Amino acid sequence: MSSYRLGPSESSGPWFTVGRLEVTTTVAVVGVTVLTWLAWVVVPILPGLLALDPLSLSQGQVWRLLTWPLANVLSLLAVLGAFFFWYFGTELEQQLGRTKMAWLLAGIAGSLTLAALLVALLGWDGVLAGLGELYPVLLLLWIAEFPTRRLWFAIPAWVVGSVLLAVQILVLIGVRDWLSLGSLLIGLVLSAILARRLGLLSGYRWLDWAAPRRRTRRPAAPRPTRQEARRQSDRARLDDLLDKINEHGIGSLTDAEKRELHTLRDRLRGNR
């Protein structure tokens, strides 16, 4: 008997399960990362063929716009990054649901790509490679969502986020990776707007303009009562009989239609 089954239709559950493993959006991304690590072990030059850099892009290698998140190299730092991505991403996914989490991650990747292109137009050099580029953005979004949450050694999350962001910026400046630096800063702003659009970061007033708009349904028109419906039907039938009289005269009515005409008139007068 197969141990594979689809998840529930609601977006709060996993996409599917394999045995006891619930494959959520976050777990799926970590799984893809592991597969790319194995691919790097077999084909060490693969990340270099997938990473995004302005020179390769100018040579027509446009696939790099989509493949740079797959340019992962196995290392201890990469494993730690994947763990923290799973840890913090799982909680965000519980807030958003699997579908919105997928949109959030795709939006972060798209924001970083757009930011990298903008920075490349300025003539700055650098490389965008691997899902590790997404990890700082996701972590900072989690910290922005839960700024007072206590992390290691009971340090508030906002303090940890401030230190991590400062260190990340200083490292990128130190190695002169202007493309990654510009992508990070611009990507953070775009990702924050996207996160607010998906329902996160509700405590930041400056992002209220990006909040999801609730559709207001117009109140349905009240249904006519049985008496009103009958009155409308009587009036329509009376109009038909009067039209027949206007066209062919009163003599064109049968005895039954004449009796019906008087009945309709009396009934409509009585309902006034």
C-alpha atoms as a PDB file:
ATOM      1  CA  MET A   1       0.000   0.000   0.000  1.00  0.00           C
ATOM      2  CA  SER A   2       1.420   3.405  -0.983  1.00  0.00           C
ATOM      3  CA  SER A   3       2.474   5.770   1.777  1.00  0.00           C
ATOM      4  CA  TYR A   4       1.982   8.793  -0.490  1.00  0.00           C
ATOM      5  CA  ARG A   5      -1.192  10.834  -0.274  1.00  0.00           C
ATOM      6  CA  LEU A   6      -2.324  14.325  -1.142  1.00  0.00           C
ATOM      7  CA  GLY A   7      -2.848  16.875   1.566  1.00  0.00           C
ATOM      8  CA  PRO A   8      -6.154  18.536   2.432  1.00  0.00           C
ATOM      9  CA  SER A   9      -7.647  21.041   0.039  1.00  0.00           C
ATOM     10  CA  GLU A  10      -7.325  23.842   2.600  1.00  0.00           C
ATOM     11  CA  SER A  11      -4.190  25.939   2.160  1.00  0.00           C
ATOM     12  CA  SER A  12      -3.244  25.534   5.832  1.00  0.00           C
ATOM     13  CA  GLY A  13      -2.156  21.910   5.416  1.00  0.00           C
ATOM     14  CA  PRO A  14       0.714  20.277   3.522  1.00  0.00           C
ATOM     15  CA  TRP A  15       0.688  19.784  -0.225  1.00  0.00           C
ATOM     16  CA  PHE A  16       1.004  16.040   0.308  1.00  0.00           C
ATOM     17  CA  THR A  17       2.533  13.557   2.710  1.00  0.00           C
ATOM     18  CA  VAL A  18       5.166  10.894   2.168  1.00  0.00           C
ATOM     19  CA  GLY A  19       4.846   8.449   5.015  1.00  0.00           C
ATOM     20  CA  ARG A  20       4.866  10.650   8.097  1.00  0.00           C
ATOM     21  CA  LEU A  21       6.572  13.557   6.359  1.00  0.00           C
ATOM     22  CA  GLU A  22       4.248  16.462   5.628  1.00  0.00           C
ATOM     23  CA  VAL A  23       5.535  18.227   2.541  1.00  0.00           C
ATOM     24  CA  THR A  24       4.717  21.888   3.030  1.00  0.00           C
ATOM     25  CA  THR A  25       6.041  24.709   0.868  1.00  0.00           C
ATOM     26  CA  THR A  26       8.935  25.252   3.277  1.00  0.00           C
ATOM     27  CA  VAL A  27       9.816  21.559   3.396  1.00  0.00           C
ATOM     28  CA  ALA A  28       9.628  21.334  -0.404  1.00  0.00           C
ATOM     29  CA  VAL A  29      12.108  24.201  -0.779  1.00  0.00           C
ATOM     30  CA  VAL A  30      14.499  22.576   1.687  1.00  0.00           C
ATOM     31  CA  GLY A  31      14.132  19.308  -0.223  1.00  0.00           C
ATOM     32  CA  VAL A  32      15.002  21.014  -3.508  1.00  0.00           C
ATOM     33  CA  THR A  33      18.017  22.578  -1.805  1.00  0.00           C
ATOM     34  CA  VAL A  34      19.259  19.167  -0.684  1.00  0.00           C
ATOM     35  CA  LEU A  35      18.860  17.831  -4.225  1.00  0.00           C
ATOM     36  CA  THR A  36      20.900  20.718  -5.624  1.00  0.00           C
ATOM     37  CA  TRP A  37      23.632  19.980  -3.069  1.00  0.00           C
ATOM     38  CA  LEU A  38      23.791  16.414  -4.323  1.00  0.00           C
ATOM     39  CA  ALA A  39      23.859  17.679  -7.905  1.00  0.00           C
ATOM     40  CA  TRP A  40      26.810  19.928  -7.012  1.00  0.00           C
ATOM     41  CA  VAL A  41      28.683  16.935  -5.588  1.00  0.00           C
ATOM     42  CA  VAL A  42      28.225  15.094  -8.897  1.00  0.00           C
ATOM     43  CA  VAL A  43      28.668  18.118 -11.203  1.00  0.00           C
ATOM     44  CA  PRO A  44      30.773  20.761  -9.401  1.00  0.00           C
ATOM     45  CA  ILE A  45      30.508  23.266 -12.260  1.00  0.00           C
ATOM     46  CA  LEU A  46      26.699  23.256 -12.183  1.00  0.00           C
ATOM     47  CA  PRO A  47      26.250  26.264  -9.834  1.00  0.00           C
ATOM     48  CA  GLY A  48      28.458  28.344 -12.116  1.00  0.00           C
ATOM     49  CA  LEU A  49      26.122  27.568 -15.012  1.00  0.00           C
ATOM     50  CA  LEU A  50      23.019  28.548 -13.047  1.00  0.00           C
ATOM     51  CA  ALA A  51      24.088  31.627 -11.070  1.00  0.00           C
ATOM     52  CA  LEU A  52      23.048  35.108 -12.170  1.00  0.00           C
ATOM     53  CA  ASP A  53      25.782  37.580 -13.072  1.00  0.00           C
ATOM     54  CA  PRO A  54      25.613  40.593 -15.397  1.00  0.00           C
ATOM     55  CA  LEU A  55      28.341  39.388 -17.768  1.00  0.00           C
ATOM     56  CA  SER A  56      26.680  36.040 -18.516  1.00  0.00           C
ATOM     57  CA  LEU A  57      23.322  37.742 -18.835  1.00  0.00           C
ATOM     58  CA  SER A  58      24.721  40.194 -21.380  1.00  0.00           C
ATOM     59  CA  GLN A  59      25.905  37.182 -23.404  1.00  0.00           C
ATOM     60  CA  GLY A  60      22.333  35.974 -23.803  1.00  0.00           C
ATOM     61  CA  GLN A  61      22.244  33.405 -20.996  1.00  0.00           C
ATOM     62  CA  VAL A  62      18.778  34.508 -19.912  1.00  0.00           C
ATOM     63  CA  TRP A  63      17.961  31.218 -18.179  1.00  0.00           C
ATOM     64  CA  ARG A  64      20.014  32.464 -15.252  1.00  0.00           C
ATOM     65  CA  LEU A  65      17.150  34.798 -14.339  1.00  0.00           C
ATOM     66  CA  LEU A  66      15.203  31.711 -13.259  1.00  0.00           C
ATOM     67  CA  THR A  67      17.910  29.236 -12.291  1.00  0.00           C
ATOM     68  CA  TRP A  68      20.019  31.228  -9.829  1.00  0.00           C
ATOM     69  CA  PRO A  69      18.097  29.909  -6.762  1.00  0.00           C
ATOM     70  CA  LEU A  70      19.273  26.412  -7.786  1.00  0.00           C
ATOM     71  CA  ALA A  71      22.968  27.366  -7.788  1.00  0.00           C
ATOM     72  CA  ASN A  72      23.608  25.911  -4.323  1.00  0.00           C
ATOM     73  CA  VAL A  73      26.925  24.671  -2.946  1.00  0.00           C
ATOM     74  CA  LEU A  74      27.084  22.346   0.063  1.00  0.00           C
ATOM     75  CA  SER A  75      28.796  23.780   3.132  1.00  0.00           C
ATOM     76  CA  LEU A  76      28.287  23.947   6.881  1.00  0.00           C
ATOM     77  CA  LEU A  77      26.997  27.495   6.583  1.00  0.00           C
ATOM     78  CA  ALA A  78      24.553  26.405   3.869  1.00  0.00           C
ATOM     79  CA  VAL A  79      23.229  23.586   6.079  1.00  0.00           C
ATOM     80  CA  LEU A  80      22.722  26.001   8.976  1.00  0.00           C
ATOM     81  CA  GLY A  81      20.972  28.411   6.647  1.00  0.00           C
ATOM     82  CA  ALA A  82      18.624  25.689   5.407  1.00  0.00           C
ATOM     83  CA  PHE A  83      17.837  24.701   8.998  1.00  0.00           C
ATOM     84  CA  PHE A  84      16.957  28.247  10.021  1.00  0.00           C
ATOM     85  CA  PHE A  85      14.975  28.664   6.811  1.00  0.00           C
ATOM     86  CA  TRP A  86      12.929  25.604   7.760  1.00  0.00           C
ATOM     87  CA  TYR A  87      12.581  26.735  11.382  1.00  0.00           C
ATOM     88  CA  PHE A  88      11.383  30.289  10.727  1.00  0.00           C
ATOM     89  CA  GLY A  89       9.712  29.541   7.405  1.00  0.00           C
ATOM     90  CA  THR A  90       7.490  26.906   9.000  1.00  0.00           C
ATOM     91  CA  GLU A  91       6.048  29.445  11.429  1.00  0.00           C
ATOM     92  CA  LEU A  92       5.431  31.973   8.691  1.00  0.00           C
ATOM     93  CA  GLU A  93       3.730  29.284   6.627  1.00  0.00           C
ATOM     94  CA  GLN A  94       1.454  28.500   9.553  1.00  0.00           C
ATOM     95  CA  GLN A  95       0.424  32.156   9.449  1.00  0.00           C
ATOM     96  CA  LEU A  96      -0.031  32.332   5.681  1.00  0.00           C
ATOM     97  CA  GLY A  97      -0.902  28.851   4.461  1.00  0.00           C
ATOM     98  CA  ARG A  98       0.981  26.821   1.875  1.00  0.00           C
ATOM     99  CA  THR A  99      -0.235  28.734  -1.194  1.00  0.00           C
ATOM    100  CA  LYS A 100       0.549  32.208   0.103  1.00  0.00           C
ATOM    101  CA  MET A 101       3.899  30.944   1.388  1.00  0.00           C
ATOM    102  CA  ALA A 102       4.725  29.765  -2.119  1.00  0.00           C
ATOM    103  CA  TRP A 103       3.759  33.184  -3.463  1.00  0.00           C
ATOM    104  CA  LEU A 104       5.875  34.864  -0.797  1.00  0.00           C
ATOM    105  CA  LEU A 105       8.996  32.856  -1.666  1.00  0.00           C
ATOM    106  CA  ALA A 106       8.444  33.344  -5.387  1.00  0.00           C
ATOM    107  CA  GLY A 107       7.953  37.043  -4.753  1.00  0.00           C
ATOM    108  CA  ILE A 108      11.167  37.287  -2.721  1.00  0.00           C
ATOM    109  CA  ALA A 109      13.098  35.557  -5.505  1.00  0.00           C
ATOM    110  CA  GLY A 110      11.482  37.835  -8.074  1.00  0.00           C
ATOM    111  CA  SER A 111      12.257  40.915  -5.978  1.00  0.00           C
ATOM    112  CA  LEU A 112      15.906  39.922  -5.675  1.00  0.00           C
ATOM    113  CA  THR A 113      16.084  39.273  -9.417  1.00  0.00           C
ATOM    114  CA  LEU A 114      14.543  42.640 -10.241  1.00  0.00           C
ATOM    115  CA  ALA A 115      16.823  44.367  -7.763  1.00  0.00           C
ATOM    116  CA  ALA A 116      19.871  42.621  -9.248  1.00  0.00           C
ATOM    117  CA  LEU A 117      18.925  43.809 -12.729  1.00  0.00           C
ATOM    118  CA  LEU A 118      18.502  47.377 -11.499  1.00  0.00           C
ATOM    119  CA  VAL A 119      21.867  47.273  -9.756  1.00  0.00           C
ATOM    120  CA  ALA A 120      23.510  45.710 -12.821  1.00  0.00           C
ATOM    121  CA  LEU A 121      22.306  48.651 -14.916  1.00  0.00           C
ATOM    122  CA  LEU A 122      24.446  50.866 -12.686  1.00  0.00           C
ATOM    123  CA  GLY A 123      27.489  48.884 -13.768  1.00  0.00           C
ATOM    124  CA  TRP A 124      28.031  47.189 -10.409  1.00  0.00           C
ATOM    125  CA  ASP A 125      29.395  43.677 -10.506  1.00  0.00           C
ATOM    126  CA  GLY A 126      28.481  40.659  -8.423  1.00  0.00           C
ATOM    127  CA  VAL A 127      26.753  37.284  -8.434  1.00  0.00           C
ATOM    128  CA  LEU A 128      23.317  36.149  -7.312  1.00  0.00           C
ATOM    129  CA  ALA A 129      23.470  32.439  -6.523  1.00  0.00           C
ATOM    130  CA  GLY A 130      21.556  29.958  -4.403  1.00  0.00           C
ATOM    131  CA  LEU A 131      18.612  29.913  -2.050  1.00  0.00           C
ATOM    132  CA  GLY A 132      20.932  31.328   0.574  1.00  0.00           C
ATOM    133  CA  GLU A 133      20.116  34.725  -0.953  1.00  0.00           C
ATOM    134  CA  LEU A 134      16.530  34.256   0.240  1.00  0.00           C
ATOM    135  CA  TYR A 135      17.373  33.210   3.792  1.00  0.00           C
ATOM    136  CA  PRO A 136      18.276  36.656   5.205  1.00  0.00           C
ATOM    137  CA  VAL A 137      15.159  38.205   3.689  1.00  0.00           C
ATOM    138  CA  LEU A 138      12.890  35.505   5.093  1.00  0.00           C
ATOM    139  CA  LEU A 139      14.527  35.704   8.516  1.00  0.00           C
ATOM    140  CA  LEU A 140      14.136  39.479   8.612  1.00  0.00           C
ATOM    141  CA  LEU A 141      10.480  39.163   7.597  1.00  0.00           C
ATOM    142  CA  TRP A 142       9.957  36.744  10.482  1.00  0.00           C
ATOM    143  CA  ILE A 143      11.669  39.157  12.864  1.00  0.00           C
ATOM    144  CA  ALA A 144       9.566  42.039  11.548  1.00  0.00           C
ATOM    145  CA  GLU A 145       6.427  39.946  12.130  1.00  0.00           C
ATOM    146  CA  PHE A 146       7.490  38.934  15.664  1.00  0.00           C
ATOM    147  CA  PRO A 147       9.857  41.727  16.800  1.00  0.00           C
ATOM    148  CA  THR A 148       9.434  41.119  20.536  1.00  0.00           C
ATOM    149  CA  ARG A 149       9.807  37.343  20.377  1.00  0.00           C
ATOM    150  CA  ARG A 150      12.695  36.113  22.515  1.00  0.00           C
ATOM    151  CA  LEU A 151      15.405  34.198  20.693  1.00  0.00           C
ATOM    152  CA  TRP A 152      18.755  32.892  21.866  1.00  0.00           C
ATOM    153  CA  PHE A 153      19.780  33.972  25.371  1.00  0.00           C
ATOM    154  CA  ALA A 154      16.409  35.739  25.685  1.00  0.00           C
ATOM    155  CA  ILE A 155      17.491  38.442  23.233  1.00  0.00           C
ATOM    156  CA  PRO A 156      14.554  40.199  21.528  1.00  0.00           C
ATOM    157  CA  ALA A 157      14.151  39.283  17.878  1.00  0.00           C
ATOM    158  CA  TRP A 158      14.484  42.876  16.685  1.00  0.00           C
ATOM    159  CA  VAL A 159      17.948  43.108  18.256  1.00  0.00           C
ATOM    160  CA  VAL A 160      19.049  39.894  16.532  1.00  0.00           C
ATOM    161  CA  GLY A 161      17.621  41.124  13.235  1.00  0.00           C
ATOM    162  CA  SER A 162      19.380  44.464  13.486  1.00  0.00           C
ATOM    163  CA  VAL A 163      22.731  42.801  14.186  1.00  0.00           C
ATOM    164  CA  LEU A 164      22.325  40.235  11.398  1.00  0.00           C
ATOM    165  CA  LEU A 165      21.350  42.883   8.861  1.00  0.00           C
ATOM    166  CA  ALA A 166      24.275  45.093   9.862  1.00  0.00           C
ATOM    167  CA  VAL A 167      26.731  42.188   9.627  1.00  0.00           C
ATOM    168  CA  GLN A 168      25.332  41.133   6.251  1.00  0.00           C
ATOM    169  CA  ILE A 169      25.701  44.656   4.880  1.00  0.00           C
ATOM    170  CA  LEU A 170      29.246  45.017   6.223  1.00  0.00           C
ATOM    171  CA  VAL A 171      30.301  41.659   4.753  1.00  0.00           C
ATOM    172  CA  LEU A 172      28.946  42.544   1.319  1.00  0.00           C
ATOM    173  CA  ILE A 173      30.658  45.921   1.453  1.00  0.00           C
ATOM    174  CA  GLY A 174      33.882  44.241   2.539  1.00  0.00           C
ATOM    175  CA  VAL A 175      33.927  41.849  -0.415  1.00  0.00           C
ATOM    176  CA  ARG A 176      32.697  44.613  -2.756  1.00  0.00           C
ATOM    177  CA  ASP A 177      29.692  42.541  -3.836  1.00  0.00           C
ATOM    178  CA  TRP A 178      27.622  45.549  -4.794  1.00  0.00           C
ATOM    179  CA  LEU A 179      25.129  43.521  -6.795  1.00  0.00           C
ATOM    180  CA  SER A 180      24.211  41.342  -3.809  1.00  0.00           C
ATOM    181  CA  LEU A 181      24.139  44.385  -1.520  1.00  0.00           C
ATOM    182  CA  GLY A 182      21.816  46.320  -3.775  1.00  0.00           C
ATOM    183  CA  SER A 183      19.684  43.238  -4.339  1.00  0.00           C
ATOM    184  CA  LEU A 184      19.402  42.697  -0.591  1.00  0.00           C
ATOM    185  CA  LEU A 185      18.336  46.253   0.234  1.00  0.00           C
ATOM    186  CA  ILE A 186      15.934  46.698  -2.668  1.00  0.00           C
ATOM    187  CA  GLY A 187      14.683  43.130  -2.271  1.00  0.00           C
ATOM    188  CA  LEU A 188      13.933  43.767   1.408  1.00  0.00           C
ATOM    189  CA  VAL A 189      11.702  46.710   0.556  1.00  0.00           C
ATOM    190  CA  LEU A 190       9.878  44.874  -2.239  1.00  0.00           C
ATOM    191  CA  SER A 191       9.519  41.741  -0.115  1.00  0.00           C
ATOM    192  CA  ALA A 192       8.084  43.766   2.773  1.00  0.00           C
ATOM    193  CA  ILE A 193       5.459  45.208   0.431  1.00  0.00           C
ATOM    194  CA  LEU A 194       4.621  41.724  -0.849  1.00  0.00           C
ATOM    195  CA  ALA A 195       4.451  40.307   2.684  1.00  0.00           C
ATOM    196  CA  ARG A 196       2.014  43.051   3.694  1.00  0.00           C
ATOM    197  CA  ARG A 197      -0.026  42.314   0.610  1.00  0.00           C
ATOM    198  CA  LEU A 198      -0.278  38.672   1.681  1.00  0.00           C
ATOM    199  CA  GLY A 199      -1.384  39.580   5.210  1.00  0.00           C
ATOM    200  CA  LEU A 200       1.858  39.861   7.207  1.00  0.00           C
ATOM    201  CA  LEU A 201       3.434  42.942   8.856  1.00  0.00           C
ATOM    202  CA  SER A 202       0.073  44.389   9.884  1.00  0.00           C
ATOM    203  CA  GLY A 203       1.730  46.366  12.688  1.00  0.00           C
ATOM    204  CA  TYR A 204       3.591  48.689  10.312  1.00  0.00           C
ATOM    205  CA  ARG A 205       1.422  51.677   9.416  1.00  0.00           C
ATOM    206  CA  TRP A 206       3.654  52.802   6.558  1.00  0.00           C
ATOM    207  CA  LEU A 207       2.719  49.581   4.750  1.00  0.00           C
ATOM    208  CA  ASP A 208      -1.047  49.973   5.188  1.00  0.00           C
ATOM    209  CA  TRP A 209      -1.414  51.086   1.580  1.00  0.00           C
ATOM    210  CA  ALA A 210      -0.215  47.627   0.490  1.00  0.00           C
ATOM    211  CA  ALA A 211      -2.652  45.756   2.752  1.00  0.00           C
ATOM    212  CA  PRO A 212      -5.089  43.363   1.045  1.00  0.00           C
ATOM    213  CA  ARG A 213      -8.384  45.017   0.297  1.00  0.00           C
ATOM    214  CA  ARG A 214     -11.520  43.313   1.447  1.00  0.00           C
ATOM    215  CA  ARG A 215     -14.191  43.100  -1.159  1.00  0.00           C
ATOM    216  CA  THR A 216     -17.469  44.538   0.070  1.00  0.00           C
ATOM    217  CA  ARG A 217     -20.448  42.687  -1.274  1.00  0.00           C
ATOM    218  CA  ARG A 218     -23.427  44.708  -2.295  1.00  0.00           C
ATOM    219  CA  PRO A 219     -26.524  43.754  -0.346  1.00  0.00           C
ATOM    220  CA  ALA A 220     -28.780  41.567  -2.424  1.00  0.00           C
ATOM    221  CA  ALA A 221     -31.997  43.119  -3.578  1.00  0.00           C
ATOM    222  CA  PRO A 222     -34.897  41.969  -1.404  1.00  0.00           C
ATOM    223  CA  ARG A 223     -36.967  39.253  -2.992  1.00  0.00           C
ATOM    224  CA  PRO A 224     -40.546  40.214  -3.725  1.00  0.00           C
ATOM    225  CA  THR A 225     -43.122  38.771  -1.370  1.00  0.00           C
ATOM    226  CA  ARG A 226     -45.694  36.285  -2.602  1.00  0.00           C
ATOM    227  CA  GLN A 227     -48.343  39.021  -2.718  1.00  0.00           C
ATOM    228  CA  GLU A 228     -46.082  41.350  -4.701  1.00  0.00           C
ATOM    229  CA  ALA A 229     -45.183  38.557  -7.113  1.00  0.00           C
ATOM    230  CA  ARG A 230     -48.860  37.770  -7.672  1.00  0.00           C
ATOM    231  CA  ARG A 231     -49.647  41.450  -8.219  1.00  0.00           C
ATOM    232  CA  GLN A 232     -46.879  41.700 -10.825  1.00  0.00           C
ATOM    233  CA  SER A 233     -48.198  38.606 -12.567  1.00  0.00           C
ATOM    234  CA  ASP A 234     -51.760  39.979 -12.571  1.00  0.00           C
ATOM    235  CA  ARG A 235     -50.609  43.297 -13.989  1.00  0.00           C
ATOM    236  CA  ALA A 236     -48.641  41.568 -16.763  1.00  0.00           C
ATOM    237  CA  ARG A 237     -51.672  39.444 -17.692  1.00  0.00           C
ATOM    238  CA  LEU A 238     -53.959  42.486 -17.629  1.00  0.00           C
ATOM    239  CA  ASP A 239     -51.595  44.338 -19.958  1.00  0.00           C
ATOM    240  CA  ASP A 240     -51.730  41.412 -22.393  1.00  0.00           C
ATOM    241  CA  LEU A 241     -55.532  41.481 -22.447  1.00  0.00           C
ATOM    242  CA  LEU A 242     -55.642  45.261 -22.882  1.00  0.00           C
ATOM    243  CA  ASP A 243     -53.181  45.037 -25.766  1.00  0.00           C
ATOM    244  CA  LYS A 244     -55.430  42.489 -27.432  1.00  0.00           C
ATOM    245  CA  ILE A 245     -58.414  44.819 -27.021  1.00  0.00           C
ATOM    246  CA  ASN A 246     -56.481  47.764 -28.471  1.00  0.00           C
ATOM    247  CA  GLU A 247     -55.472  45.750 -31.518  1.00  0.00           C
ATOM    248  CA  HIS A 248     -58.652  43.781 -32.280  1.00  0.00           C
ATOM    249  CA  GLY A 249     -61.402  45.291 -30.141  1.00  0.00           C
ATOM    250  CA  ILE A 250     -63.329  44.017 -27.125  1.00  0.00           C
ATOM    251  CA  GLY A 251     -65.074  41.471 -29.297  1.00  0.00           C
ATOM    252  CA  SER A 252     -61.843  39.606 -29.818  1.00  0.00           C
ATOM    253  CA  LEU A 253     -61.910  38.414 -26.194  1.00  0.00           C
ATOM    254  CA  THR A 254     -63.481  35.092 -25.365  1.00  0.00           C
ATOM    255  CA  ASP A 255     -66.006  34.816 -22.555  1.00  0.00           C
ATOM    256  CA  ALA A 256     -63.325  33.313 -20.319  1.00  0.00           C
ATOM    257  CA  GLU A 257     -60.941  36.190 -21.091  1.00  0.00           C
ATOM    258  CA  LYS A 258     -63.679  38.759 -20.330  1.00  0.00           C
ATOM    259  CA  ARG A 259     -64.317  37.151 -16.951  1.00  0.00           C
ATOM    260  CA  GLU A 260     -60.557  37.058 -16.336  1.00  0.00           C
ATOM    261  CA  LEU A 261     -60.305  40.751 -17.262  1.00  0.00           C
ATOM    262  CA  HIS A 262     -62.918  41.742 -14.670  1.00  0.00           C
ATOM    263  CA  THR A 263     -61.341  39.501 -12.046  1.00  0.00           C
ATOM    264  CA  LEU A 264     -57.897  41.002 -12.591  1.00  0.00           C
ATOM    265  CA  ARG A 265     -59.239  44.568 -12.403  1.00  0.00           C
ATOM    266  CA  ASP A 266     -61.096  43.876  -9.183  1.00  0.00           C
ATOM    267  CA  ARG A 267     -58.126  42.124  -7.628  1.00  0.00           C
ATOM    268  CA  LEU A 268     -55.676  44.892  -8.529  1.00  0.00           C
ATOM    269  CA  ARG A 269     -58.056  47.571  -7.218  1.00  0.00           C
ATOM    270  CA  GLY A 270     -58.484  45.641  -3.991  1.00  0.00           C
ATOM    271  CA  ASN A 271     -54.702  45.467  -3.467  1.00  0.00           C
ATOM    272  CA  ARG A 272     -54.213  49.225  -3.546  1.00  0.00           C
END
